Amino acid sequence: MLACDTCGGACCKCLKIIIGRFPDEHRTWADIRGLVRPVGGGVYEWWIRSPCKHLIDGRCGIQSEKPKTCADFAVGGEECKKAVKAMAEM
């Protein structure tokens, strides 16, 4: 089980962008570099480093007023694991 204390806020350091109908010539370039991952149906996810300005020492600095997207992010869930993996690969 993952915990926020162990990863330093990986979910707050990167951003997932969903890409549909990725042009072949660009997908090949991105695939080689490990920048995108297929998720099925011609859709790809692209993880980029984009740290939240409210991340302080690996923790949320606006815990009581953080956006719904952040509040709904399940610690130890599938997206959490993907964020940790993406940060390790960047």
C-alpha atoms as a PDB file:
ATOM      1  CA  MET A   1       0.000   0.000   0.000  1.00  0.00           C
ATOM      2  CA  LEU A   2       1.331   3.409  -0.947  1.00  0.00           C
ATOM      3  CA  ALA A   3       1.180   6.366   1.404  1.00  0.00           C
ATOM      4  CA  CYS A   4       1.735  10.059   0.677  1.00  0.00           C
ATOM      5  CA  ASP A   5       4.664  10.092   3.115  1.00  0.00           C
ATOM      6  CA  THR A   6       6.569   7.521   1.058  1.00  0.00           C
ATOM      7  CA  CYS A   7       6.306   9.051  -2.426  1.00  0.00           C
ATOM      8  CA  GLY A   8       6.687  12.754  -1.650  1.00  0.00           C
ATOM      9  CA  GLY A   9       3.528  13.757  -3.491  1.00  0.00           C
ATOM     10  CA  ALA A  10       4.057  12.150  -6.919  1.00  0.00           C
ATOM     11  CA  CYS A  11       0.453  12.939  -7.892  1.00  0.00           C
ATOM     12  CA  CYS A  12       1.152  16.620  -7.250  1.00  0.00           C
ATOM     13  CA  LYS A  13       4.382  16.657  -9.249  1.00  0.00           C
ATOM     14  CA  CYS A  14       3.089  15.368 -12.563  1.00  0.00           C
ATOM     15  CA  LEU A  15       0.071  15.706 -14.789  1.00  0.00           C
ATOM     16  CA  LYS A  16      -1.664  13.123 -16.972  1.00  0.00           C
ATOM     17  CA  ILE A  17      -2.956  14.246 -20.340  1.00  0.00           C
ATOM     18  CA  ILE A  18      -5.258  11.950 -22.318  1.00  0.00           C
ATOM     19  CA  ILE A  19      -4.570  11.942 -26.056  1.00  0.00           C
ATOM     20  CA  GLY A  20      -6.910  10.467 -28.646  1.00  0.00           C
ATOM     21  CA  ARG A  21      -6.038   9.849 -32.300  1.00  0.00           C
ATOM     22  CA  PHE A  22      -2.339  10.463 -31.802  1.00  0.00           C
ATOM     23  CA  PRO A  23      -0.674  10.875 -35.254  1.00  0.00           C
ATOM     24  CA  ASP A  24       1.541   7.867 -36.056  1.00  0.00           C
ATOM     25  CA  GLU A  25       4.687   9.899 -36.737  1.00  0.00           C
ATOM     26  CA  HIS A  26       4.409  11.643 -33.359  1.00  0.00           C
ATOM     27  CA  ARG A  27       3.358   8.508 -31.490  1.00  0.00           C
ATOM     28  CA  THR A  28       6.469   6.668 -32.684  1.00  0.00           C
ATOM     29  CA  TRP A  29       8.689   9.525 -31.484  1.00  0.00           C
ATOM     30  CA  ALA A  30       6.913   9.633 -28.132  1.00  0.00           C
ATOM     31  CA  ASP A  31       6.815   5.822 -27.753  1.00  0.00           C
ATOM     32  CA  ILE A  32      10.570   5.565 -28.245  1.00  0.00           C
ATOM     33  CA  ARG A  33      11.121   8.058 -25.457  1.00  0.00           C
ATOM     34  CA  GLY A  34       8.542   6.442 -23.174  1.00  0.00           C
ATOM     35  CA  LEU A  35       6.482   9.626 -23.044  1.00  0.00           C
ATOM     36  CA  VAL A  36       3.101   8.088 -23.859  1.00  0.00           C
ATOM     37  CA  ARG A  37       1.412   4.836 -22.922  1.00  0.00           C
ATOM     38  CA  PRO A  38      -1.473   3.237 -24.792  1.00  0.00           C
ATOM     39  CA  VAL A  39      -4.611   2.777 -22.711  1.00  0.00           C
ATOM     40  CA  GLY A  40      -6.703   1.167 -25.466  1.00  0.00           C
ATOM     41  CA  GLY A  41      -8.974   2.181 -28.308  1.00  0.00           C
ATOM     42  CA  GLY A  42      -6.338   4.403 -29.910  1.00  0.00           C
ATOM     43  CA  VAL A  43      -6.140   6.525 -26.750  1.00  0.00           C
ATOM     44  CA  TYR A  44      -2.851   7.311 -25.031  1.00  0.00           C
ATOM     45  CA  GLU A  45      -1.892   8.879 -21.746  1.00  0.00           C
ATOM     46  CA  TRP A  46       1.007  11.286 -21.535  1.00  0.00           C
ATOM     47  CA  TRP A  47       2.574  12.090 -18.170  1.00  0.00           C
ATOM     48  CA  ILE A  48       4.497  15.338 -17.848  1.00  0.00           C
ATOM     49  CA  ARG A  49       6.354  16.922 -14.954  1.00  0.00           C
ATOM     50  CA  SER A  50       4.210  19.778 -13.692  1.00  0.00           C
ATOM     51  CA  PRO A  51       4.563  20.332  -9.948  1.00  0.00           C
ATOM     52  CA  CYS A  52       1.697  21.971  -8.088  1.00  0.00           C
ATOM     53  CA  LYS A  53       2.633  25.363  -6.663  1.00  0.00           C
ATOM     54  CA  HIS A  54       1.004  24.367  -3.361  1.00  0.00           C
ATOM     55  CA  LEU A  55       3.234  21.318  -2.799  1.00  0.00           C
ATOM     56  CA  ILE A  56       5.443  22.003   0.232  1.00  0.00           C
ATOM     57  CA  ASP A  57       8.047  19.427   1.266  1.00  0.00           C
ATOM     58  CA  GLY A  58       6.113  16.679  -0.510  1.00  0.00           C
ATOM     59  CA  ARG A  59       2.808  17.551   1.153  1.00  0.00           C
ATOM     60  CA  CYS A  60      -0.248  19.590   0.169  1.00  0.00           C
ATOM     61  CA  GLY A  61      -0.070  23.151   1.446  1.00  0.00           C
ATOM     62  CA  ILE A  62      -3.815  23.749   0.937  1.00  0.00           C
ATOM     63  CA  GLN A  63      -5.140  20.469   2.366  1.00  0.00           C
ATOM     64  CA  SER A  64      -8.362  21.979   3.758  1.00  0.00           C
ATOM     65  CA  GLU A  65      -9.241  23.805   0.524  1.00  0.00           C
ATOM     66  CA  LYS A  66      -7.730  21.624  -2.208  1.00  0.00           C
ATOM     67  CA  PRO A  67      -9.708  21.171  -5.454  1.00  0.00           C
ATOM     68  CA  LYS A  68     -12.165  18.291  -5.899  1.00  0.00           C
ATOM     69  CA  THR A  69      -9.850  16.622  -8.439  1.00  0.00           C
ATOM     70  CA  CYS A  70      -7.171  16.365  -5.772  1.00  0.00           C
ATOM     71  CA  ALA A  71      -9.589  15.361  -3.022  1.00  0.00           C
ATOM     72  CA  ASP A  72     -10.992  12.547  -5.207  1.00  0.00           C
ATOM     73  CA  PHE A  73      -7.516  11.144  -5.977  1.00  0.00           C
ATOM     74  CA  ALA A  74      -7.393   7.799  -4.139  1.00  0.00           C
ATOM     75  CA  VAL A  75      -4.154   7.257  -2.223  1.00  0.00           C
ATOM     76  CA  GLY A  76      -2.784   3.857  -3.244  1.00  0.00           C
ATOM     77  CA  GLY A  77      -5.302   3.590  -6.098  1.00  0.00           C
ATOM     78  CA  GLU A  78      -4.543   2.882  -9.757  1.00  0.00           C
ATOM     79  CA  GLU A  79      -3.921   6.537 -10.705  1.00  0.00           C
ATOM     80  CA  CYS A  80      -1.716   6.982  -7.633  1.00  0.00           C
ATOM     81  CA  LYS A  81       0.428   4.013  -8.712  1.00  0.00           C
ATOM     82  CA  LYS A  82       0.647   5.414 -12.250  1.00  0.00           C
ATOM     83  CA  ALA A  83       1.792   8.808 -10.933  1.00  0.00           C
ATOM     84  CA  VAL A  84       4.481   7.200  -8.774  1.00  0.00           C
ATOM     85  CA  LYS A  85       5.682   5.129 -11.756  1.00  0.00           C
ATOM     86  CA  ALA A  86       5.646   8.152 -14.082  1.00  0.00           C
ATOM     87  CA  MET A  87       7.703  10.240 -11.656  1.00  0.00           C
ATOM     88  CA  ALA A  88      10.225   7.415 -11.267  1.00  0.00           C
ATOM     89  CA  GLU A  89      10.625   7.271 -15.063  1.00  0.00           C
ATOM     90  CA  MET A  90      11.080  11.029 -15.572  1.00  0.00           C
END
